[in-house]
């Protein structure tokens, strides 16, 4: 297919931004500073990195985009995405890119509007939960506990106590703790 024109490239940029801004995993990583002091700038840079990736590569498959986003999250936010949302994010971006290539701009704008409405409904938050045993001391919330969130089923907030119940932890050889949803 033909490369994007400047107007469709701008629309695709807006689409990628909308997808990433409504992705709870990235929101939590930015809100909690997983990427350091420049977490917000890194999230904004990810939009440009994805645009460049699509521009530099022809006929990208969803799995390739998924791997690229996963690598960005790991490198920039020290976050391993293992909640099942990564394929959905990659698919949305790939579909919107194909629609831009096919000049289906109305469909892309509709999707951007839907994502914008979702964004204005509220951002995902990772908040520690108080338990009866925590009256005298503050419970520490590990970054890994706050990372498991579903692309929409979790609602506007993620409670770390609920995450503890719904996840299992596995210590990897390299020191990472992988958080997975219990089945």
N, C-alpha and C. Protein backbone atom coordinates (compact mmCIF):
# COMPACT_ATOMS: atom_id res chain seq x y z
N UNK A 1 0.83 -1.19 0.00
CA UNK A 1 0.00 0.00 0.00
C UNK A 1 0.87 1.24 0.00
N UNK A 2 0.27 2.32 -0.39
CA UNK A 2 0.99 3.58 -0.51
C UNK A 2 1.29 4.17 0.87
N UNK A 3 2.39 4.92 0.97
CA UNK A 3 2.68 5.59 2.24
C UNK A 3 1.63 6.67 2.51
N UNK A 4 1.56 7.08 3.75
CA UNK A 4 0.57 8.08 4.15
C UNK A 4 0.93 9.46 3.62
N UNK A 5 -0.09 10.23 3.24
CA UNK A 5 0.12 11.62 2.85
C UNK A 5 0.26 12.44 4.14
N UNK A 6 0.61 13.69 4.00
CA UNK A 6 0.82 14.51 5.20
C UNK A 6 -0.46 14.65 6.02
N UNK A 7 -1.62 14.79 5.37
CA UNK A 7 -2.87 14.93 6.13
C UNK A 7 -3.25 13.61 6.81
N UNK A 8 -3.07 12.48 6.14
CA UNK A 8 -3.40 11.20 6.78
C UNK A 8 -2.36 10.85 7.84
N UNK A 9 -1.13 11.30 7.65
CA UNK A 9 -0.09 11.08 8.67
C UNK A 9 -0.45 11.81 9.96
N UNK A 10 -0.97 13.04 9.83
CA UNK A 10 -1.41 13.80 11.01
C UNK A 10 -2.57 13.11 11.70
N UNK A 11 -3.51 12.59 10.92
CA UNK A 11 -4.65 11.89 11.50
C UNK A 11 -4.19 10.60 12.19
N UNK A 12 -3.25 9.88 11.58
CA UNK A 12 -2.73 8.67 12.20
C UNK A 12 -1.99 9.01 13.49
N UNK A 13 -1.27 10.10 13.50
CA UNK A 13 -0.59 10.55 14.72
C UNK A 13 -1.61 10.81 15.83
N UNK A 14 -2.69 11.47 15.49
CA UNK A 14 -3.76 11.74 16.46
C UNK A 14 -4.37 10.42 16.95
N UNK A 15 -4.53 9.46 16.05
CA UNK A 15 -5.09 8.16 16.41
C UNK A 15 -4.17 7.41 17.37
N UNK A 16 -2.88 7.38 17.08
CA UNK A 16 -1.92 6.70 17.96
C UNK A 16 -1.92 7.36 19.33
N UNK A 17 -1.93 8.68 19.36
CA UNK A 17 -1.95 9.41 20.63
C UNK A 17 -3.21 9.03 21.43
N UNK A 18 -4.36 8.98 20.76
CA UNK A 18 -5.61 8.63 21.44
C UNK A 18 -5.56 7.22 22.01
N UNK A 19 -5.01 6.29 21.26
CA UNK A 19 -4.91 4.90 21.73
C UNK A 19 -4.00 4.83 22.96
N UNK A 20 -2.83 5.44 22.87
CA UNK A 20 -1.88 5.37 23.98
C UNK A 20 -2.38 6.12 25.22
N UNK A 21 -3.06 7.23 25.02
CA UNK A 21 -3.56 8.01 26.17
C UNK A 21 -4.70 7.31 26.89
N UNK A 22 -5.34 6.35 26.26
CA UNK A 22 -6.43 5.62 26.91
C UNK A 22 -6.01 4.22 27.32
N UNK A 23 -4.74 3.90 27.20
CA UNK A 23 -4.23 2.58 27.58
C UNK A 23 -3.89 2.61 29.07
N UNK A 24 -4.64 1.91 29.91
CA UNK A 24 -4.42 1.97 31.36
C UNK A 24 -3.00 1.63 31.80
N UNK A 25 -2.34 0.68 31.16
CA UNK A 25 -0.98 0.31 31.57
C UNK A 25 -0.04 1.50 31.42
N UNK A 26 -0.11 2.20 30.31
CA UNK A 26 0.75 3.36 30.10
C UNK A 26 0.36 4.49 31.05
N UNK A 27 -0.94 4.68 31.29
CA UNK A 27 -1.39 5.71 32.23
C UNK A 27 -0.80 5.48 33.61
N UNK A 28 -0.88 4.25 34.08
CA UNK A 28 -0.36 3.91 35.41
C UNK A 28 1.15 4.11 35.46
N UNK A 29 1.85 3.70 34.40
CA UNK A 29 3.30 3.86 34.36
C UNK A 29 3.68 5.34 34.42
N UNK A 30 2.95 6.19 33.70
CA UNK A 30 3.23 7.63 33.71
C UNK A 30 2.86 8.24 35.05
N UNK A 31 1.66 7.94 35.53
CA UNK A 31 1.18 8.53 36.79
C UNK A 31 2.06 8.18 37.98
N UNK A 32 2.66 7.00 37.94
CA UNK A 32 3.49 6.54 39.06
C UNK A 32 4.98 6.71 38.79
N UNK A 33 5.33 7.37 37.71
CA UNK A 33 6.73 7.69 37.44
C UNK A 33 7.62 6.49 37.16
N UNK A 34 7.06 5.43 36.56
CA UNK A 34 7.87 4.25 36.25
C UNK A 34 9.00 4.60 35.28
N UNK A 35 8.81 5.66 34.50
CA UNK A 35 9.82 6.07 33.54
C UNK A 35 10.73 7.16 34.08
N UNK A 36 10.66 7.42 35.37
CA UNK A 36 11.48 8.46 35.97
C UNK A 36 10.81 9.81 35.89
N UNK A 37 11.62 10.84 36.05
CA UNK A 37 11.12 12.21 36.09
C UNK A 37 10.47 12.63 34.77
N UNK A 38 10.84 12.00 33.68
CA UNK A 38 10.33 12.39 32.37
C UNK A 38 9.33 11.39 31.81
N UNK A 39 8.55 10.77 32.67
CA UNK A 39 7.58 9.75 32.24
C UNK A 39 6.58 10.30 31.23
N UNK A 40 6.04 11.48 31.47
CA UNK A 40 5.06 12.06 30.55
C UNK A 40 5.70 12.34 29.18
N UNK A 41 6.92 12.85 29.18
CA UNK A 41 7.60 13.12 27.91
C UNK A 41 7.89 11.81 27.17
N UNK A 42 8.21 10.78 27.90
CA UNK A 42 8.45 9.47 27.27
C UNK A 42 7.17 8.93 26.63
N UNK A 43 6.05 9.11 27.30
CA UNK A 43 4.77 8.67 26.74
C UNK A 43 4.46 9.43 25.46
N UNK A 44 4.73 10.73 25.45
CA UNK A 44 4.51 11.52 24.25
C UNK A 44 5.48 11.12 23.14
N UNK A 45 6.72 10.81 23.51
CA UNK A 45 7.72 10.36 22.54
C UNK A 45 7.31 9.03 21.92
N UNK A 46 6.62 8.17 22.68
CA UNK A 46 6.19 6.88 22.15
C UNK A 46 5.30 7.04 20.92
N UNK A 47 4.50 8.10 20.89
CA UNK A 47 3.66 8.37 19.71
C UNK A 47 4.55 8.56 18.49
N UNK A 48 5.57 9.41 18.63
CA UNK A 48 6.50 9.66 17.51
C UNK A 48 7.27 8.40 17.13
N UNK A 49 7.66 7.61 18.13
CA UNK A 49 8.40 6.37 17.85
C UNK A 49 7.54 5.39 17.05
N UNK A 50 6.26 5.28 17.41
CA UNK A 50 5.37 4.40 16.66
C UNK A 50 5.14 4.91 15.24
N UNK A 51 4.97 6.22 15.10
CA UNK A 51 4.80 6.79 13.76
C UNK A 51 6.02 6.48 12.89
N UNK A 52 7.20 6.67 13.46
CA UNK A 52 8.43 6.39 12.72
C UNK A 52 8.53 4.91 12.37
N UNK A 53 8.14 4.05 13.28
CA UNK A 53 8.18 2.61 13.06
C UNK A 53 7.29 2.21 11.88
N UNK A 54 6.08 2.78 11.84
CA UNK A 54 5.18 2.49 10.72
C UNK A 54 5.71 3.10 9.42
N UNK A 55 6.33 4.26 9.52
CA UNK A 55 6.87 4.92 8.34
C UNK A 55 8.06 4.15 7.76
N UNK A 56 8.88 3.58 8.63
CA UNK A 56 10.10 2.90 8.19
C UNK A 56 9.89 1.47 7.75
N UNK A 57 8.75 0.87 8.08
CA UNK A 57 8.53 -0.55 7.79
C UNK A 57 7.26 -0.75 6.98
N UNK A 58 7.38 -1.56 5.93
CA UNK A 58 6.22 -1.88 5.10
C UNK A 58 5.57 -3.16 5.60
N UNK A 59 4.27 -3.24 5.41
CA UNK A 59 3.51 -4.46 5.72
C UNK A 59 3.77 -5.00 7.12
N UNK A 60 3.68 -4.14 8.12
CA UNK A 60 3.86 -4.57 9.51
C UNK A 60 2.72 -5.48 9.93
N UNK A 61 3.05 -6.51 10.65
CA UNK A 61 2.06 -7.41 11.23
C UNK A 61 1.78 -6.98 12.66
N UNK A 62 0.62 -7.34 13.17
CA UNK A 62 0.23 -6.95 14.53
C UNK A 62 1.26 -7.42 15.55
N UNK A 63 1.79 -8.62 15.39
CA UNK A 63 2.77 -9.16 16.34
C UNK A 63 4.04 -8.32 16.38
N UNK A 64 4.44 -7.79 15.23
CA UNK A 64 5.63 -6.94 15.18
C UNK A 64 5.40 -5.63 15.94
N UNK A 65 4.22 -5.05 15.77
CA UNK A 65 3.87 -3.82 16.47
C UNK A 65 3.77 -4.09 17.97
N UNK A 66 3.18 -5.22 18.31
CA UNK A 66 3.08 -5.64 19.71
C UNK A 66 4.46 -5.75 20.34
N UNK A 67 5.38 -6.41 19.65
CA UNK A 67 6.75 -6.56 20.16
C UNK A 67 7.43 -5.21 20.33
N UNK A 68 7.22 -4.31 19.37
CA UNK A 68 7.84 -2.99 19.42
C UNK A 68 7.32 -2.19 20.63
N UNK A 69 6.00 -2.20 20.82
CA UNK A 69 5.42 -1.47 21.96
C UNK A 69 5.90 -2.09 23.27
N UNK A 70 5.95 -3.41 23.31
CA UNK A 70 6.43 -4.11 24.51
C UNK A 70 7.86 -3.72 24.84
N UNK A 71 8.68 -3.64 23.81
CA UNK A 71 10.08 -3.24 23.99
C UNK A 71 10.18 -1.80 24.50
N UNK A 72 9.35 -0.91 23.96
CA UNK A 72 9.34 0.48 24.42
C UNK A 72 8.94 0.56 25.89
N UNK A 73 7.91 -0.17 26.26
CA UNK A 73 7.45 -0.16 27.66
C UNK A 73 8.52 -0.71 28.59
N UNK A 74 9.20 -1.76 28.16
CA UNK A 74 10.24 -2.36 28.98
C UNK A 74 11.44 -1.42 29.11
N UNK A 75 11.88 -0.86 28.00
CA UNK A 75 13.06 -0.01 28.02
C UNK A 75 12.83 1.36 28.67
N UNK A 76 11.68 1.96 28.41
CA UNK A 76 11.44 3.32 28.87
C UNK A 76 10.76 3.40 30.23
N UNK A 77 9.96 2.39 30.58
CA UNK A 77 9.19 2.43 31.82
C UNK A 77 9.49 1.26 32.75
N UNK A 78 10.48 0.43 32.40
CA UNK A 78 10.79 -0.76 33.20
C UNK A 78 9.52 -1.54 33.51
N UNK A 79 8.68 -1.69 32.52
CA UNK A 79 7.38 -2.33 32.71
C UNK A 79 7.21 -3.46 31.70
N UNK A 80 6.93 -4.64 32.24
CA UNK A 80 6.61 -5.79 31.40
C UNK A 80 5.09 -5.89 31.37
N UNK A 81 4.52 -5.74 30.19
CA UNK A 81 3.06 -5.74 30.04
C UNK A 81 2.62 -7.19 29.86
N UNK A 82 1.89 -7.69 30.85
CA UNK A 82 1.46 -9.08 30.79
C UNK A 82 0.01 -9.19 31.23
N UNK A 83 -0.81 -8.18 30.90
CA UNK A 83 -2.20 -8.19 31.32
C UNK A 83 -3.16 -8.49 30.17
N UNK A 84 -2.62 -8.77 29.00
CA UNK A 84 -3.46 -9.08 27.85
C UNK A 84 -3.88 -7.87 27.04
N UNK A 85 -3.48 -6.67 27.45
CA UNK A 85 -3.91 -5.47 26.73
C UNK A 85 -3.01 -5.14 25.54
N UNK A 86 -1.80 -5.64 25.53
CA UNK A 86 -0.86 -5.29 24.46
C UNK A 86 -1.36 -5.70 23.07
N UNK A 87 -1.91 -6.91 22.88
CA UNK A 87 -2.43 -7.24 21.55
C UNK A 87 -3.58 -6.31 21.12
N UNK A 88 -4.40 -5.89 22.08
CA UNK A 88 -5.51 -4.99 21.75
C UNK A 88 -4.99 -3.63 21.29
N UNK A 89 -3.98 -3.12 21.99
CA UNK A 89 -3.41 -1.82 21.63
C UNK A 89 -2.77 -1.91 20.24
N UNK A 90 -1.98 -2.95 20.02
CA UNK A 90 -1.32 -3.13 18.72
C UNK A 90 -2.36 -3.28 17.60
N UNK A 91 -3.41 -4.01 17.87
CA UNK A 91 -4.45 -4.20 16.86
C UNK A 91 -5.13 -2.88 16.52
N UNK A 92 -5.47 -2.08 17.53
CA UNK A 92 -6.11 -0.78 17.28
C UNK A 92 -5.22 0.10 16.41
N UNK A 93 -3.94 0.13 16.74
CA UNK A 93 -3.01 0.98 15.98
C UNK A 93 -2.90 0.47 14.54
N UNK A 94 -2.78 -0.84 14.37
CA UNK A 94 -2.66 -1.41 13.01
C UNK A 94 -3.91 -1.16 12.19
N UNK A 95 -5.08 -1.34 12.78
CA UNK A 95 -6.34 -1.12 12.07
C UNK A 95 -6.46 0.34 11.64
N UNK A 96 -6.12 1.25 12.55
CA UNK A 96 -6.21 2.67 12.20
C UNK A 96 -5.21 3.04 11.11
N UNK A 97 -4.03 2.42 11.13
CA UNK A 97 -3.06 2.68 10.08
C UNK A 97 -3.60 2.21 8.73
N UNK A 98 -4.17 1.01 8.69
CA UNK A 98 -4.75 0.50 7.45
C UNK A 98 -5.88 1.38 6.96
N UNK A 99 -6.70 1.86 7.89
CA UNK A 99 -7.80 2.74 7.50
C UNK A 99 -7.28 4.05 6.94
N UNK A 100 -6.21 4.57 7.51
CA UNK A 100 -5.60 5.80 6.97
C UNK A 100 -5.05 5.54 5.57
N UNK A 101 -4.42 4.40 5.37
CA UNK A 101 -3.88 4.06 4.05
C UNK A 101 -5.00 3.93 3.01
N UNK A 102 -6.15 3.44 3.44
CA UNK A 102 -7.27 3.22 2.53
C UNK A 102 -8.18 4.45 2.45
N UNK A 103 -7.75 5.55 3.03
CA UNK A 103 -8.50 6.82 3.05
C UNK A 103 -9.87 6.68 3.70
N UNK A 104 -9.98 5.81 4.68
CA UNK A 104 -11.21 5.68 5.47
C UNK A 104 -11.09 6.60 6.68
N UNK A 105 -10.97 7.88 6.39
CA UNK A 105 -10.67 8.86 7.43
C UNK A 105 -11.84 9.10 8.37
N UNK A 106 -13.07 8.94 7.87
CA UNK A 106 -14.24 9.13 8.73
C UNK A 106 -14.25 8.09 9.85
N UNK A 107 -13.94 6.83 9.51
CA UNK A 107 -13.91 5.76 10.51
C UNK A 107 -12.83 6.04 11.56
N UNK A 108 -11.68 6.52 11.12
CA UNK A 108 -10.58 6.82 12.04
C UNK A 108 -10.99 7.95 12.98
N UNK A 109 -11.61 8.99 12.44
CA UNK A 109 -12.06 10.11 13.28
C UNK A 109 -13.09 9.65 14.31
N UNK A 110 -14.00 8.76 13.89
CA UNK A 110 -15.01 8.23 14.82
C UNK A 110 -14.33 7.48 15.97
N UNK A 111 -13.33 6.67 15.64
CA UNK A 111 -12.62 5.92 16.67
C UNK A 111 -11.86 6.86 17.61
N UNK A 112 -11.25 7.89 17.05
CA UNK A 112 -10.54 8.88 17.88
C UNK A 112 -11.54 9.56 18.83
N UNK A 113 -12.73 9.91 18.32
CA UNK A 113 -13.75 10.54 19.16
C UNK A 113 -14.19 9.60 20.29
N UNK A 114 -14.36 8.32 19.96
CA UNK A 114 -14.74 7.34 20.99
C UNK A 114 -13.66 7.24 22.06
N UNK A 115 -12.40 7.20 21.63
CA UNK A 115 -11.30 7.12 22.58
C UNK A 115 -11.20 8.39 23.42
N UNK A 116 -11.46 9.55 22.80
CA UNK A 116 -11.42 10.81 23.54
C UNK A 116 -12.50 10.85 24.61
N UNK A 117 -13.67 10.30 24.30
CA UNK A 117 -14.74 10.23 25.29
C UNK A 117 -14.34 9.31 26.43
N UNK A 118 -13.70 8.20 26.10
CA UNK A 118 -13.23 7.27 27.13
C UNK A 118 -12.18 7.94 28.01
N UNK A 119 -11.30 8.73 27.38
CA UNK A 119 -10.25 9.43 28.13
C UNK A 119 -10.87 10.45 29.09
N UNK A 120 -11.86 11.18 28.63
CA UNK A 120 -12.47 12.21 29.48
C UNK A 120 -13.30 11.59 30.60
N UNK A 121 -13.67 10.30 30.47
CA UNK A 121 -14.44 9.62 31.51
C UNK A 121 -13.59 9.37 32.75
N UNK A 122 -12.29 9.33 32.59
CA UNK A 122 -11.42 9.15 33.75
C UNK A 122 -10.21 8.30 33.44
N UNK A 123 -9.13 8.60 34.15
CA UNK A 123 -7.89 7.86 33.99
C UNK A 123 -7.83 6.74 35.01
N UNK A 124 -7.14 5.67 34.66
CA UNK A 124 -6.94 4.57 35.60
C UNK A 124 -5.97 5.01 36.68
N UNK A 125 -6.24 4.63 37.90
CA UNK A 125 -5.38 4.98 39.02
C UNK A 125 -4.97 3.72 39.76
N UNK A 126 -3.78 3.71 40.27
CA UNK A 126 -3.31 2.63 41.12
C UNK A 126 -3.23 3.18 42.53
N UNK A 127 -4.11 2.71 43.40
CA UNK A 127 -4.14 3.23 44.76
C UNK A 127 -3.98 2.09 45.74
N UNK A 128 -3.17 2.28 46.78
CA UNK A 128 -3.03 1.23 47.79
C UNK A 128 -4.32 1.12 48.61
N UNK A 129 -4.65 -0.09 49.00
CA UNK A 129 -5.85 -0.31 49.81
C UNK A 129 -5.45 -0.52 51.26
N UNK A 130 -6.24 0.05 52.17
CA UNK A 130 -6.01 -0.14 53.60
C UNK A 130 -6.64 -1.46 54.02
N UNK A 131 -5.93 -2.22 54.83
CA UNK A 131 -6.48 -3.43 55.42
C UNK A 131 -6.53 -3.21 56.92
N UNK A 132 -7.31 -3.99 57.65
CA UNK A 132 -7.41 -3.78 59.09
C UNK A 132 -6.07 -3.82 59.82
N UNK A 133 -5.09 -4.54 59.31
CA UNK A 133 -3.78 -4.64 59.95
C UNK A 133 -2.89 -3.44 59.69
N UNK A 134 -3.33 -2.50 58.87
CA UNK A 134 -2.49 -1.38 58.47
C UNK A 134 -2.77 -0.12 59.27
N UNK A 135 -3.41 -0.22 60.42
CA UNK A 135 -3.78 0.97 61.18
C UNK A 135 -2.58 1.81 61.58
N UNK A 136 -1.47 1.16 62.02
CA UNK A 136 -0.33 1.91 62.54
C UNK A 136 0.76 2.15 61.52
N UNK A 137 0.83 1.34 60.50
CA UNK A 137 1.91 1.53 59.54
C UNK A 137 1.35 1.58 58.12
N UNK A 138 1.99 2.35 57.31
CA UNK A 138 1.59 2.54 55.93
C UNK A 138 2.02 1.34 55.10
N UNK A 139 1.13 0.77 54.31
CA UNK A 139 1.46 -0.34 53.44
C UNK A 139 2.19 0.18 52.21
N UNK A 140 3.26 -0.49 51.85
CA UNK A 140 3.97 -0.11 50.63
C UNK A 140 3.32 -0.80 49.46
N UNK A 141 3.17 -0.05 48.37
CA UNK A 141 2.58 -0.60 47.16
C UNK A 141 3.70 -0.82 46.16
N UNK A 142 3.99 -2.07 45.85
CA UNK A 142 5.02 -2.37 44.87
C UNK A 142 4.55 -1.96 43.49
N UNK A 143 5.47 -1.53 42.65
CA UNK A 143 5.13 -1.15 41.28
C UNK A 143 4.49 -2.32 40.55
N UNK A 144 4.97 -3.53 40.79
CA UNK A 144 4.45 -4.70 40.10
C UNK A 144 2.99 -4.95 40.45
N UNK A 145 2.59 -4.63 41.67
CA UNK A 145 1.21 -4.85 42.07
C UNK A 145 0.27 -3.93 41.31
N UNK A 146 0.72 -2.76 40.96
CA UNK A 146 -0.14 -1.78 40.32
C UNK A 146 -0.20 -1.92 38.81
N UNK A 147 0.57 -2.85 38.25
CA UNK A 147 0.67 -2.91 36.80
C UNK A 147 -0.39 -3.76 36.13
N UNK A 148 -1.08 -4.61 36.84
CA UNK A 148 -2.06 -5.47 36.21
C UNK A 148 -3.38 -4.74 36.11
N UNK A 149 -3.75 -4.33 34.90
CA UNK A 149 -5.06 -3.73 34.71
C UNK A 149 -5.56 -4.13 33.35
N UNK A 150 -6.86 -4.23 33.25
CA UNK A 150 -7.47 -4.69 32.03
C UNK A 150 -7.88 -3.48 31.20
N UNK A 151 -7.90 -3.61 29.89
CA UNK A 151 -8.17 -2.50 29.00
C UNK A 151 -9.52 -1.84 29.17
N UNK A 152 -10.37 -2.22 30.06
CA UNK A 152 -11.63 -1.55 30.23
C UNK A 152 -12.46 -2.22 31.30
N UNK A 153 -12.19 -3.46 31.59
CA UNK A 153 -12.99 -4.18 32.57
C UNK A 153 -12.71 -3.72 33.99
N UNK A 154 -11.55 -3.15 34.25
CA UNK A 154 -11.20 -2.74 35.60
C UNK A 154 -11.90 -1.45 36.00
N UNK A 155 -12.43 -0.70 35.06
CA UNK A 155 -13.09 0.56 35.38
C UNK A 155 -12.07 1.66 35.57
N UNK A 156 -12.48 2.74 36.19
CA UNK A 156 -11.60 3.89 36.29
C UNK A 156 -10.51 3.76 37.34
N UNK A 157 -10.55 2.75 38.21
CA UNK A 157 -9.51 2.65 39.21
C UNK A 157 -9.06 1.21 39.37
N UNK A 158 -7.82 1.04 39.79
CA UNK A 158 -7.25 -0.27 40.04
C UNK A 158 -6.82 -0.28 41.50
N UNK A 159 -7.34 -1.18 42.28
CA UNK A 159 -7.05 -1.28 43.71
C UNK A 159 -5.98 -2.32 43.91
N UNK A 160 -4.91 -1.99 44.63
CA UNK A 160 -3.80 -2.93 44.77
C UNK A 160 -4.20 -4.19 45.52
N UNK A 161 -5.15 -4.11 46.45
CA UNK A 161 -5.61 -5.32 47.15
C UNK A 161 -6.32 -6.24 46.17
N UNK A 162 -7.12 -5.67 45.29
CA UNK A 162 -7.80 -6.48 44.28
C UNK A 162 -6.79 -7.07 43.31
N UNK A 163 -5.76 -6.31 42.99
CA UNK A 163 -4.72 -6.80 42.10
C UNK A 163 -4.00 -7.96 42.76
N UNK A 164 -3.72 -7.86 44.08
CA UNK A 164 -3.06 -8.95 44.78
C UNK A 164 -3.87 -10.23 44.69
N UNK A 165 -5.20 -10.11 44.87
CA UNK A 165 -6.05 -11.28 44.80
C UNK A 165 -6.11 -11.85 43.39
N UNK A 166 -6.09 -11.01 42.37
CA UNK A 166 -6.31 -11.45 41.01
C UNK A 166 -5.04 -11.79 40.26
N UNK A 167 -3.91 -11.72 40.91
CA UNK A 167 -2.66 -11.95 40.20
C UNK A 167 -1.81 -12.97 40.91
N UNK A 168 -0.88 -13.51 40.15
CA UNK A 168 0.13 -14.37 40.75
C UNK A 168 1.47 -13.77 40.40
N UNK A 169 2.44 -13.93 41.27
CA UNK A 169 3.75 -13.35 41.05
C UNK A 169 4.75 -14.46 40.79
N UNK A 170 5.62 -14.25 39.84
CA UNK A 170 6.69 -15.18 39.55
C UNK A 170 8.00 -14.41 39.51
N UNK A 171 8.96 -14.83 40.30
CA UNK A 171 10.27 -14.17 40.31
C UNK A 171 11.10 -14.75 39.16
N UNK A 172 11.61 -13.89 38.31
CA UNK A 172 12.43 -14.31 37.19
C UNK A 172 13.90 -14.27 37.59
N UNK A 173 14.74 -14.96 36.82
CA UNK A 173 16.17 -15.01 37.10
C UNK A 173 16.83 -13.63 37.08
N UNK A 174 16.33 -12.74 36.24
CA UNK A 174 16.96 -11.43 36.09
C UNK A 174 16.47 -10.41 37.13
N UNK A 175 15.68 -10.87 38.13
CA UNK A 175 15.24 -9.97 39.18
C UNK A 175 13.89 -9.34 38.94
N UNK A 176 13.30 -9.53 37.77
CA UNK A 176 11.98 -8.99 37.48
C UNK A 176 10.92 -9.85 38.14
N UNK A 177 9.87 -9.25 38.57
CA UNK A 177 8.69 -10.00 39.03
C UNK A 177 7.63 -9.85 37.97
N UNK A 178 7.18 -10.97 37.42
CA UNK A 178 6.15 -10.95 36.40
C UNK A 178 4.81 -11.10 37.10
N UNK A 179 3.90 -10.20 36.81
CA UNK A 179 2.58 -10.24 37.41
C UNK A 179 1.60 -10.74 36.36
N UNK A 180 0.90 -11.84 36.68
CA UNK A 180 -0.05 -12.42 35.74
C UNK A 180 -1.41 -12.53 36.41
N UNK A 181 -2.43 -12.45 35.59
CA UNK A 181 -3.79 -12.62 36.08
C UNK A 181 -4.02 -14.09 36.39
N UNK A 182 -4.70 -14.39 37.51
CA UNK A 182 -5.03 -15.77 37.84
C UNK A 182 -6.14 -16.24 36.91
N UNK A 183 -6.11 -17.50 36.60
CA UNK A 183 -7.11 -18.04 35.67
C UNK A 183 -8.18 -18.80 36.39
